[in-house]
Amino acid sequence: MEFSLTTLGSGSAKPLVDKYSSVHVLNARGRLFLIDCCEGAQFQLVRYHLSMMKIDHIFISHLHGDHCFGIFGLLSTMALIGRKTDLHIYAPRDFSSVLNFFMGHFGEGLKYNIIHHPLTFHDKQLICETKTADVYAFPLNHGIETYGFLFREKWQDHPLAPKDRYVRSVAYCSDTAPFERLAEWVDGVDILYHETTYTEDLRVQAAARFHSTAAQAAKVAAQARVGKLIAGHFSSRYKDLSVILDEACPIFPETYLAEEGKKFEIPYRRLDEE
């Protein structure tokens, strides 16, 4: 039963011909969770054969355009292809005005409900429970209201689930500058996606813009004892992304680059294999 994270966009704010901005899909045993929704997100879903109709939950980390400009097109296309089931969007509270604008100008004839769940808290909190996963959110350090997400597989509701199955997990942290509690909140996850917008030579610029360097992300991964670190949200200045790995891997060897269309699967493990 699949539990995986697929990157559909690995870039940051500046448009590039070979990279989209932030958009990812978590597959939790056949149900898809969309994480951020950059401009053109729906085209990436089509390109990589990921069904929009299997997405019932969307998680928006913050309201910078490279993380949410694609939501209008996606919502409209869902209506066009006949969606009728509720769609839940978990996003900062100011997203309500964005949704109201969409509904006022483009929402006529929608046959499905869009339900905004405002994120307004200051600690890690359970925000969503489905048959396949529990989802937690926690505040990040990005200058505006921004949240990370942790997806933890849930087996107790599955009647055929083996009792000795290892529960798998993925955390998503973009965008953020380093802060003390982050490693605690993502401790022990199988996959940590963490922004690596800059390298250490631009540490001052990273701090000024509330971003992280590759070394800083690797330190979080090491402190949190995660399985793998997926580096992403790359600045457009880096034409050769090997510099990201060169900086992160000495600190945390299990570091990998996010690439458009690349899937990171978490394999089945028994509890006694931990």
C-alpha atoms as a PDB file:
ATOM      1  CA  MET A   1       0.000   0.000   0.000  1.00  0.00           C
ATOM      2  CA  GLU A   2       1.651   3.152  -1.225  1.00  0.00           C
ATOM      3  CA  PHE A   3       2.736   6.010   1.018  1.00  0.00           C
ATOM      4  CA  SER A   4       4.801   8.494  -0.969  1.00  0.00           C
ATOM      5  CA  LEU A   5       5.635  12.140  -1.609  1.00  0.00           C
ATOM      6  CA  THR A   6       5.870  13.386  -5.188  1.00  0.00           C
ATOM      7  CA  THR A   7       7.409  16.749  -5.998  1.00  0.00           C
ATOM      8  CA  LEU A   8       5.688  18.638  -8.806  1.00  0.00           C
ATOM      9  CA  GLY A   9       7.510  21.933  -8.208  1.00  0.00           C
ATOM     10  CA  SER A  10      10.987  22.445  -6.738  1.00  0.00           C
ATOM     11  CA  GLY A  11      11.674  26.126  -7.414  1.00  0.00           C
ATOM     12  CA  SER A  12      11.056  29.294  -5.444  1.00  0.00           C
ATOM     13  CA  ALA A  13       9.338  32.513  -6.528  1.00  0.00           C
ATOM     14  CA  LYS A  14      11.104  33.422  -9.774  1.00  0.00           C
ATOM     15  CA  PRO A  15       9.654  31.657 -12.860  1.00  0.00           C
ATOM     16  CA  LEU A  16      11.956  29.198 -14.621  1.00  0.00           C
ATOM     17  CA  VAL A  17      11.441  27.135 -17.768  1.00  0.00           C
ATOM     18  CA  ASP A  18      12.460  23.868 -16.086  1.00  0.00           C
ATOM     19  CA  LYS A  19      11.014  24.303 -12.594  1.00  0.00           C
ATOM     20  CA  TYR A  20       7.618  25.048 -11.123  1.00  0.00           C
ATOM     21  CA  SER A  21       7.227  26.686  -7.740  1.00  0.00           C
ATOM     22  CA  SER A  22       5.889  24.860  -4.680  1.00  0.00           C
ATOM     23  CA  VAL A  23       3.451  22.009  -5.263  1.00  0.00           C
ATOM     24  CA  HIS A  24       3.620  18.444  -3.915  1.00  0.00           C
ATOM     25  CA  VAL A  25       1.350  15.425  -3.642  1.00  0.00           C
ATOM     26  CA  LEU A  26       1.243  12.940  -0.796  1.00  0.00           C
ATOM     27  CA  ASN A  27      -0.248   9.577  -1.728  1.00  0.00           C
ATOM     28  CA  ALA A  28      -1.599   7.919   1.415  1.00  0.00           C
ATOM     29  CA  ARG A  29      -2.786   4.484   0.290  1.00  0.00           C
ATOM     30  CA  GLY A  30      -4.496   5.816  -2.817  1.00  0.00           C
ATOM     31  CA  ARG A  31      -5.882   9.085  -1.446  1.00  0.00           C
ATOM     32  CA  LEU A  32      -4.076  12.213  -2.596  1.00  0.00           C
ATOM     33  CA  PHE A  33      -3.257  15.231  -0.428  1.00  0.00           C
ATOM     34  CA  LEU A  34      -2.136  18.364  -2.288  1.00  0.00           C
ATOM     35  CA  ILE A  35       0.491  20.426  -0.470  1.00  0.00           C
ATOM     36  CA  ASP A  36       0.777  24.019  -1.722  1.00  0.00           C
ATOM     37  CA  CYS A  37      -0.594  25.046  -5.096  1.00  0.00           C
ATOM     38  CA  CYS A  38       1.695  27.178  -7.213  1.00  0.00           C
ATOM     39  CA  GLU A  39       0.817  28.733 -10.557  1.00  0.00           C
ATOM     40  CA  GLY A  40       0.308  25.887 -13.017  1.00  0.00           C
ATOM     41  CA  ALA A  41      -0.195  23.221 -10.360  1.00  0.00           C
ATOM     42  CA  GLN A  42      -3.056  21.669 -12.302  1.00  0.00           C
ATOM     43  CA  PHE A  43      -0.835  21.222 -15.372  1.00  0.00           C
ATOM     44  CA  GLN A  44       1.699  19.317 -13.277  1.00  0.00           C
ATOM     45  CA  LEU A  45      -1.035  17.077 -11.912  1.00  0.00           C
ATOM     46  CA  VAL A  46      -2.066  16.257 -15.478  1.00  0.00           C
ATOM     47  CA  ARG A  47       1.523  15.811 -16.654  1.00  0.00           C
ATOM     48  CA  TYR A  48       2.289  13.243 -13.983  1.00  0.00           C
ATOM     49  CA  HIS A  49      -1.079  11.452 -14.176  1.00  0.00           C
ATOM     50  CA  LEU A  50      -2.309  12.407 -10.708  1.00  0.00           C
ATOM     51  CA  SER A  51      -6.096  12.568 -10.561  1.00  0.00           C
ATOM     52  CA  MET A  52      -7.624  15.820  -9.318  1.00  0.00           C
ATOM     53  CA  MET A  53     -10.726  13.858  -8.367  1.00  0.00           C
ATOM     54  CA  LYS A  54      -8.743  11.940  -5.738  1.00  0.00           C
ATOM     55  CA  ILE A  55      -7.789  15.180  -3.968  1.00  0.00           C
ATOM     56  CA  ASP A  56     -10.180  15.983  -1.141  1.00  0.00           C
ATOM     57  CA  HIS A  57      -7.739  17.928   1.042  1.00  0.00           C
ATOM     58  CA  ILE A  58      -5.440  20.825   0.078  1.00  0.00           C
ATOM     59  CA  PHE A  59      -2.861  22.308   2.445  1.00  0.00           C
ATOM     60  CA  ILE A  60      -1.577  25.829   1.792  1.00  0.00           C
ATOM     61  CA  SER A  61       1.464  26.771   3.865  1.00  0.00           C
ATOM     62  CA  HIS A  62       1.151  30.538   3.388  1.00  0.00           C
ATOM     63  CA  LEU A  63      -0.160  33.224   1.077  1.00  0.00           C
ATOM     64  CA  HIS A  64       2.902  34.041  -0.978  1.00  0.00           C
ATOM     65  CA  GLY A  65       2.082  33.669  -4.647  1.00  0.00           C
ATOM     66  CA  ASP A  66       4.558  30.896  -5.404  1.00  0.00           C
ATOM     67  CA  HIS A  67       2.591  28.710  -2.972  1.00  0.00           C
ATOM     68  CA  CYS A  68      -1.011  29.573  -3.854  1.00  0.00           C
ATOM     69  CA  PHE A  69      -1.423  31.295  -7.250  1.00  0.00           C
ATOM     70  CA  GLY A  70      -2.570  28.030  -8.839  1.00  0.00           C
ATOM     71  CA  ILE A  71      -5.631  27.570  -6.649  1.00  0.00           C
ATOM     72  CA  PHE A  72      -8.080  29.459  -8.901  1.00  0.00           C
ATOM     73  CA  GLY A  73      -7.297  27.356 -11.946  1.00  0.00           C
ATOM     74  CA  LEU A  74      -7.441  24.119  -9.985  1.00  0.00           C
ATOM     75  CA  LEU A  75     -10.799  24.917  -8.378  1.00  0.00           C
ATOM     76  CA  SER A  76     -12.252  25.905 -11.735  1.00  0.00           C
ATOM     77  CA  THR A  77     -11.023  22.764 -13.472  1.00  0.00           C
ATOM     78  CA  MET A  78     -12.426  20.576 -10.716  1.00  0.00           C
ATOM     79  CA  ALA A  79     -15.828  22.118 -11.441  1.00  0.00           C
ATOM     80  CA  LEU A  80     -15.332  21.682 -15.185  1.00  0.00           C
ATOM     81  CA  ILE A  81     -14.697  17.957 -14.868  1.00  0.00           C
ATOM     82  CA  GLY A  82     -17.771  17.453 -12.709  1.00  0.00           C
ATOM     83  CA  ARG A  83     -16.623  17.421  -9.124  1.00  0.00           C
ATOM     84  CA  LYS A  84     -19.494  17.102  -6.626  1.00  0.00           C
ATOM     85  CA  THR A  85     -17.772  16.034  -3.406  1.00  0.00           C
ATOM     86  CA  ASP A  86     -16.623  18.481  -0.736  1.00  0.00           C
ATOM     87  CA  LEU A  87     -13.126  19.938  -0.986  1.00  0.00           C
ATOM     88  CA  HIS A  88     -11.327  20.913   2.235  1.00  0.00           C
ATOM     89  CA  ILE A  89      -8.645  23.596   2.170  1.00  0.00           C
ATOM     90  CA  TYR A  90      -6.408  24.123   5.198  1.00  0.00           C
ATOM     91  CA  ALA A  91      -4.763  27.525   4.972  1.00  0.00           C
ATOM     92  CA  PRO A  92      -4.024  30.651   7.033  1.00  0.00           C
ATOM     93  CA  ARG A  93      -7.112  32.616   8.040  1.00  0.00           C
ATOM     94  CA  ASP A  94      -6.542  35.335   5.414  1.00  0.00           C
ATOM     95  CA  PHE A  95      -7.215  32.747   2.721  1.00  0.00           C
ATOM     96  CA  SER A  96     -10.913  33.362   3.390  1.00  0.00           C
ATOM     97  CA  SER A  97     -10.758  36.636   1.441  1.00  0.00           C
ATOM     98  CA  VAL A  98      -9.042  34.845  -1.470  1.00  0.00           C
ATOM     99  CA  LEU A  99     -11.767  32.207  -1.507  1.00  0.00           C
ATOM    100  CA  ASN A 100     -14.510  34.821  -1.269  1.00  0.00           C
ATOM    101  CA  PHE A 101     -13.042  36.611  -4.311  1.00  0.00           C
ATOM    102  CA  PHE A 102     -12.974  33.358  -6.279  1.00  0.00           C
ATOM    103  CA  MET A 103     -16.529  32.465  -5.366  1.00  0.00           C
ATOM    104  CA  GLY A 104     -17.778  35.986  -6.167  1.00  0.00           C
ATOM    105  CA  HIS A 105     -16.218  36.085  -9.638  1.00  0.00           C
ATOM    106  CA  PHE A 106     -15.794  32.481 -10.741  1.00  0.00           C
ATOM    107  CA  GLY A 107     -17.915  30.346  -8.430  1.00  0.00           C
ATOM    108  CA  GLU A 108     -21.225  30.415 -10.261  1.00  0.00           C
ATOM    109  CA  GLY A 109     -22.402  26.915 -11.041  1.00  0.00           C
ATOM    110  CA  LEU A 110     -19.985  25.081  -8.755  1.00  0.00           C
ATOM    111  CA  LYS A 111     -21.563  21.802  -7.699  1.00  0.00           C
ATOM    112  CA  TYR A 112     -19.207  21.080  -4.841  1.00  0.00           C
ATOM    113  CA  ASN A 113     -18.549  22.768  -1.510  1.00  0.00           C
ATOM    114  CA  ILE A 114     -15.209  24.395  -0.737  1.00  0.00           C
ATOM    115  CA  ILE A 115     -14.591  24.383   2.999  1.00  0.00           C
ATOM    116  CA  HIS A 116     -11.819  26.576   4.377  1.00  0.00           C
ATOM    117  CA  HIS A 117     -10.288  25.433   7.664  1.00  0.00           C
ATOM    118  CA  PRO A 118      -8.401  28.467   9.052  1.00  0.00           C
ATOM    119  CA  LEU A 119      -5.001  27.854  10.631  1.00  0.00           C
ATOM    120  CA  THR A 120      -4.625  30.245  13.562  1.00  0.00           C
ATOM    121  CA  PHE A 121      -2.619  28.523  16.287  1.00  0.00           C
ATOM    122  CA  HIS A 122       0.884  28.747  17.806  1.00  0.00           C
ATOM    123  CA  ASP A 123       1.777  25.124  18.496  1.00  0.00           C
ATOM    124  CA  LYS A 124       1.573  21.736  16.776  1.00  0.00           C
ATOM    125  CA  GLN A 125      -2.052  20.702  16.383  1.00  0.00           C
ATOM    126  CA  LEU A 126      -4.105  17.956  14.748  1.00  0.00           C
ATOM    127  CA  ILE A 127      -6.103  19.574  11.938  1.00  0.00           C
ATOM    128  CA  CYS A 128      -7.397  16.695   9.824  1.00  0.00           C
ATOM    129  CA  GLU A 129      -8.297  13.038  10.319  1.00  0.00           C
ATOM    130  CA  THR A 130      -9.021  10.729   7.395  1.00  0.00           C
ATOM    131  CA  LYS A 131      -9.202   6.966   7.026  1.00  0.00           C
ATOM    132  CA  THR A 132      -5.608   6.837   5.830  1.00  0.00           C
ATOM    133  CA  ALA A 133      -3.782   9.640   7.661  1.00  0.00           C
ATOM    134  CA  ASP A 134      -3.795  12.132  10.481  1.00  0.00           C
ATOM    135  CA  VAL A 135      -2.498  15.584   9.582  1.00  0.00           C
ATOM    136  CA  TYR A 136      -0.880  18.019  11.991  1.00  0.00           C
ATOM    137  CA  ALA A 137       0.052  21.653  11.389  1.00  0.00           C
ATOM    138  CA  PHE A 138       2.575  23.822  13.192  1.00  0.00           C
ATOM    139  CA  PRO A 139       3.733  27.436  12.764  1.00  0.00           C
ATOM    140  CA  LEU A 140       6.914  28.202  10.830  1.00  0.00           C
ATOM    141  CA  ASN A 141       9.217  31.241  10.940  1.00  0.00           C
ATOM    142  CA  HIS A 142       8.688  33.150   7.718  1.00  0.00           C
ATOM    143  CA  GLY A 143       7.698  36.709   8.538  1.00  0.00           C
ATOM    144  CA  ILE A 144       4.059  36.177   7.551  1.00  0.00           C
ATOM    145  CA  GLU A 145       1.684  33.565   8.922  1.00  0.00           C
ATOM    146  CA  THR A 146       3.109  30.263   7.639  1.00  0.00           C
ATOM    147  CA  TYR A 147       2.555  26.629   8.584  1.00  0.00           C
ATOM    148  CA  GLY A 148       4.283  23.305   8.178  1.00  0.00           C
ATOM    149  CA  PHE A 149       2.447  20.005   7.962  1.00  0.00           C
ATOM    150  CA  LEU A 150       3.033  16.495   9.248  1.00  0.00           C
ATOM    151  CA  PHE A 151       1.206  13.539   7.705  1.00  0.00           C
ATOM    152  CA  ARG A 152       1.119  10.349   9.763  1.00  0.00           C
ATOM    153  CA  GLU A 153      -0.316   7.140   8.365  1.00  0.00           C
ATOM    154  CA  LYS A 154      -3.263   5.749  10.295  1.00  0.00           C
ATOM    155  CA  TRP A 155      -3.867   2.017  10.401  1.00  0.00           C
ATOM    156  CA  GLN A 156      -6.331   1.478  13.224  1.00  0.00           C
ATOM    157  CA  ASP A 157      -9.302   2.279  10.962  1.00  0.00           C
ATOM    158  CA  HIS A 158      -8.296  -0.285   8.342  1.00  0.00           C
ATOM    159  CA  PRO A 159      -9.810  -3.708   9.146  1.00  0.00           C
ATOM    160  CA  LEU A 160      -7.220  -5.634   7.119  1.00  0.00           C
ATOM    161  CA  ALA A 161      -4.175  -3.793   8.464  1.00  0.00           C
ATOM    162  CA  PRO A 162      -1.516  -6.048  10.012  1.00  0.00           C
ATOM    163  CA  LYS A 163      -1.043  -5.234  13.680  1.00  0.00           C
ATOM    164  CA  ASP A 164       2.741  -5.141  13.371  1.00  0.00           C
ATOM    165  CA  ARG A 165       2.899  -2.592  10.546  1.00  0.00           C
ATOM    166  CA  TYR A 166       5.170   0.404  10.952  1.00  0.00           C
ATOM    167  CA  VAL A 167       3.286   3.723  10.811  1.00  0.00           C
ATOM    168  CA  ARG A 168       4.857   5.957   8.133  1.00  0.00           C
ATOM    169  CA  SER A 169       5.153   9.745   8.179  1.00  0.00           C
ATOM    170  CA  VAL A 170       6.097  12.784   6.088  1.00  0.00           C
ATOM    171  CA  ALA A 171       6.730  16.372   7.226  1.00  0.00           C
ATOM    172  CA  TYR A 172       6.678  19.450   4.994  1.00  0.00           C
ATOM    173  CA  CYS A 173       8.472  22.668   5.995  1.00  0.00           C
ATOM    174  CA  SER A 174       8.452  25.476   3.459  1.00  0.00           C
ATOM    175  CA  ASP A 175       9.144  28.387   3.849  1.00  0.00           C
ATOM    176  CA  THR A 176      10.997  28.978   7.099  1.00  0.00           C
ATOM    177  CA  ALA A 177      14.065  30.311   8.810  1.00  0.00           C
ATOM    178  CA  PRO A 178      15.502  28.020  11.492  1.00  0.00           C
ATOM    179  CA  PHE A 179      13.928  28.057  14.942  1.00  0.00           C
ATOM    180  CA  GLU A 180      14.327  25.977  18.068  1.00  0.00           C
ATOM    181  CA  ARG A 181      11.137  23.902  18.168  1.00  0.00           C
ATOM    182  CA  LEU A 182      11.076  22.701  14.574  1.00  0.00           C
ATOM    183  CA  ALA A 183      13.204  19.592  15.165  1.00  0.00           C
ATOM    184  CA  GLU A 184      10.925  18.639  18.060  1.00  0.00           C
ATOM    185  CA  TRP A 185       7.789  18.922  15.916  1.00  0.00           C
ATOM    186  CA  VAL A 186       9.132  16.738  13.081  1.00  0.00           C
ATOM    187  CA  ASP A 187      11.075  14.299  15.234  1.00  0.00           C
ATOM    188  CA  GLY A 188      11.458  10.822  13.753  1.00  0.00           C
ATOM    189  CA  VAL A 189       9.545  11.275  10.491  1.00  0.00           C
ATOM    190  CA  ASP A 190      10.489   9.041   7.565  1.00  0.00           C
ATOM    191  CA  ILE A 191      10.716  11.934   5.122  1.00  0.00           C
ATOM    192  CA  LEU A 192      11.325  15.597   5.899  1.00  0.00           C
ATOM    193  CA  TYR A 193      10.812  18.025   3.026  1.00  0.00           C
ATOM    194  CA  HIS A 194      12.606  21.218   4.067  1.00  0.00           C
ATOM    195  CA  GLU A 195      13.316  24.295   2.024  1.00  0.00           C
ATOM    196  CA  THR A 196      16.953  24.911   1.054  1.00  0.00           C
ATOM    197  CA  THR A 197      16.597  28.192  -0.773  1.00  0.00           C
ATOM    198  CA  TYR A 198      20.232  29.235  -0.294  1.00  0.00           C
ATOM    199  CA  THR A 199      23.689  27.966   0.538  1.00  0.00           C
ATOM    200  CA  GLU A 200      25.758  29.151   3.504  1.00  0.00           C
ATOM    201  CA  ASP A 201      27.551  31.910   1.594  1.00  0.00           C
ATOM    202  CA  LEU A 202      24.145  33.664   1.474  1.00  0.00           C
ATOM    203  CA  ARG A 203      23.271  32.973   5.112  1.00  0.00           C
ATOM    204  CA  VAL A 204      22.683  36.688   5.861  1.00  0.00           C
ATOM    205  CA  GLN A 205      20.308  37.032   2.906  1.00  0.00           C
ATOM    206  CA  ALA A 206      18.514  33.843   3.968  1.00  0.00           C
ATOM    207  CA  ALA A 207      17.968  35.232   7.465  1.00  0.00           C
ATOM    208  CA  ALA A 208      16.722  38.569   6.133  1.00  0.00           C
ATOM    209  CA  ARG A 209      14.155  36.800   3.957  1.00  0.00           C
ATOM    210  CA  PHE A 210      13.187  34.184   6.564  1.00  0.00           C
ATOM    211  CA  HIS A 211      14.570  31.262   4.567  1.00  0.00           C
ATOM    212  CA  SER A 212      17.007  28.449   5.303  1.00  0.00           C
ATOM    213  CA  THR A 213      20.322  27.353   3.881  1.00  0.00           C
ATOM    214  CA  ALA A 214      21.067  23.759   2.914  1.00  0.00           C
ATOM    215  CA  ALA A 215      23.289  23.388   5.978  1.00  0.00           C
ATOM    216  CA  GLN A 216      20.575  24.671   8.292  1.00  0.00           C
ATOM    217  CA  ALA A 217      18.009  22.257   6.859  1.00  0.00           C
ATOM    218  CA  ALA A 218      20.473  19.378   7.246  1.00  0.00           C
ATOM    219  CA  LYS A 219      21.006  20.298  10.911  1.00  0.00           C
ATOM    220  CA  VAL A 220      17.247  20.144  11.506  1.00  0.00           C
ATOM    221  CA  ALA A 221      17.140  16.706   9.849  1.00  0.00           C
ATOM    222  CA  ALA A 222      20.002  15.455  12.019  1.00  0.00           C
ATOM    223  CA  GLN A 223      18.527  16.860  15.237  1.00  0.00           C
ATOM    224  CA  ALA A 224      15.107  15.396  14.408  1.00  0.00           C
ATOM    225  CA  ARG A 225      16.536  11.954  13.516  1.00  0.00           C
ATOM    226  CA  VAL A 226      14.513  11.759  10.311  1.00  0.00           C
ATOM    227  CA  GLY A 227      14.878   9.024   7.693  1.00  0.00           C
ATOM    228  CA  LYS A 228      15.479  11.183   4.617  1.00  0.00           C
ATOM    229  CA  LEU A 229      15.796  14.904   3.951  1.00  0.00           C
ATOM    230  CA  ILE A 230      14.308  16.171   0.693  1.00  0.00           C
ATOM    231  CA  ALA A 231      15.800  19.530  -0.225  1.00  0.00           C
ATOM    232  CA  GLY A 232      13.714  21.922  -2.309  1.00  0.00           C
ATOM    233  CA  HIS A 233      12.474  25.484  -2.952  1.00  0.00           C
ATOM    234  CA  PHE A 234      15.726  26.316  -4.708  1.00  0.00           C
ATOM    235  CA  SER A 235      16.728  29.865  -5.550  1.00  0.00           C
ATOM    236  CA  SER A 236      16.847  30.475  -9.298  1.00  0.00           C
ATOM    237  CA  ARG A 237      20.510  31.514  -8.936  1.00  0.00           C
ATOM    238  CA  TYR A 238      21.580  27.862  -8.689  1.00  0.00           C
ATOM    239  CA  LYS A 239      21.979  26.299 -12.108  1.00  0.00           C
ATOM    240  CA  ASP A 240      23.879  23.335 -10.673  1.00  0.00           C
ATOM    241  CA  LEU A 241      22.072  21.966  -7.627  1.00  0.00           C
ATOM    242  CA  SER A 242      24.999  19.794  -6.592  1.00  0.00           C
ATOM    243  CA  VAL A 243      26.048  22.702  -4.363  1.00  0.00           C
ATOM    244  CA  ILE A 244      22.980  21.977  -2.217  1.00  0.00           C
ATOM    245  CA  LEU A 245      24.010  18.356  -1.727  1.00  0.00           C
ATOM    246  CA  ASP A 246      27.656  19.288  -1.205  1.00  0.00           C
ATOM    247  CA  GLU A 247      26.614  21.453   1.722  1.00  0.00           C
ATOM    248  CA  ALA A 248      23.916  19.256   3.265  1.00  0.00           C
ATOM    249  CA  CYS A 249      25.294  15.717   2.914  1.00  0.00           C
ATOM    250  CA  PRO A 250      28.314  16.108   5.233  1.00  0.00           C
ATOM    251  CA  ILE A 251      25.832  17.066   7.972  1.00  0.00           C
ATOM    252  CA  PHE A 252      23.040  14.683   7.001  1.00  0.00           C
ATOM    253  CA  PRO A 253      24.093  12.055   4.425  1.00  0.00           C
ATOM    254  CA  GLU A 254      20.551  10.947   3.556  1.00  0.00           C
ATOM    255  CA  THR A 255      19.807  14.175   1.686  1.00  0.00           C
ATOM    256  CA  TYR A 256      18.154  14.134  -1.736  1.00  0.00           C
ATOM    257  CA  LEU A 257      17.104  16.792  -4.226  1.00  0.00           C
ATOM    258  CA  ALA A 258      13.455  17.432  -5.025  1.00  0.00           C
ATOM    259  CA  GLU A 259      12.890  17.261  -8.777  1.00  0.00           C
ATOM    260  CA  GLU A 260       9.748  17.712 -10.859  1.00  0.00           C
ATOM    261  CA  GLY A 261       7.974  14.373 -11.060  1.00  0.00           C
ATOM    262  CA  LYS A 262      10.271  12.606  -8.597  1.00  0.00           C
ATOM    263  CA  LYS A 263       8.520  10.281  -6.179  1.00  0.00           C
ATOM    264  CA  PHE A 264       9.907   9.378  -2.767  1.00  0.00           C
ATOM    265  CA  GLU A 265       8.270   6.201  -1.511  1.00  0.00           C
ATOM    266  CA  ILE A 266       8.324   5.003   2.073  1.00  0.00           C
ATOM    267  CA  PRO A 267       8.636   1.214   2.025  1.00  0.00           C
ATOM    268  CA  TYR A 268       6.745  -1.198   4.222  1.00  0.00           C
ATOM    269  CA  ARG A 269       8.522  -1.968   7.505  1.00  0.00           C
ATOM    270  CA  ARG A 270       7.572  -4.121  10.438  1.00  0.00           C
ATOM    271  CA  LEU A 271       7.649  -2.628  13.921  1.00  0.00           C
ATOM    272  CA  ASP A 272      10.588  -4.824  14.903  1.00  0.00           C
ATOM    273  CA  GLU A 273      12.643  -3.297  12.063  1.00  0.00           C
ATOM    274  CA  GLU A 274      12.701   0.180  13.625  1.00  0.00           C
END
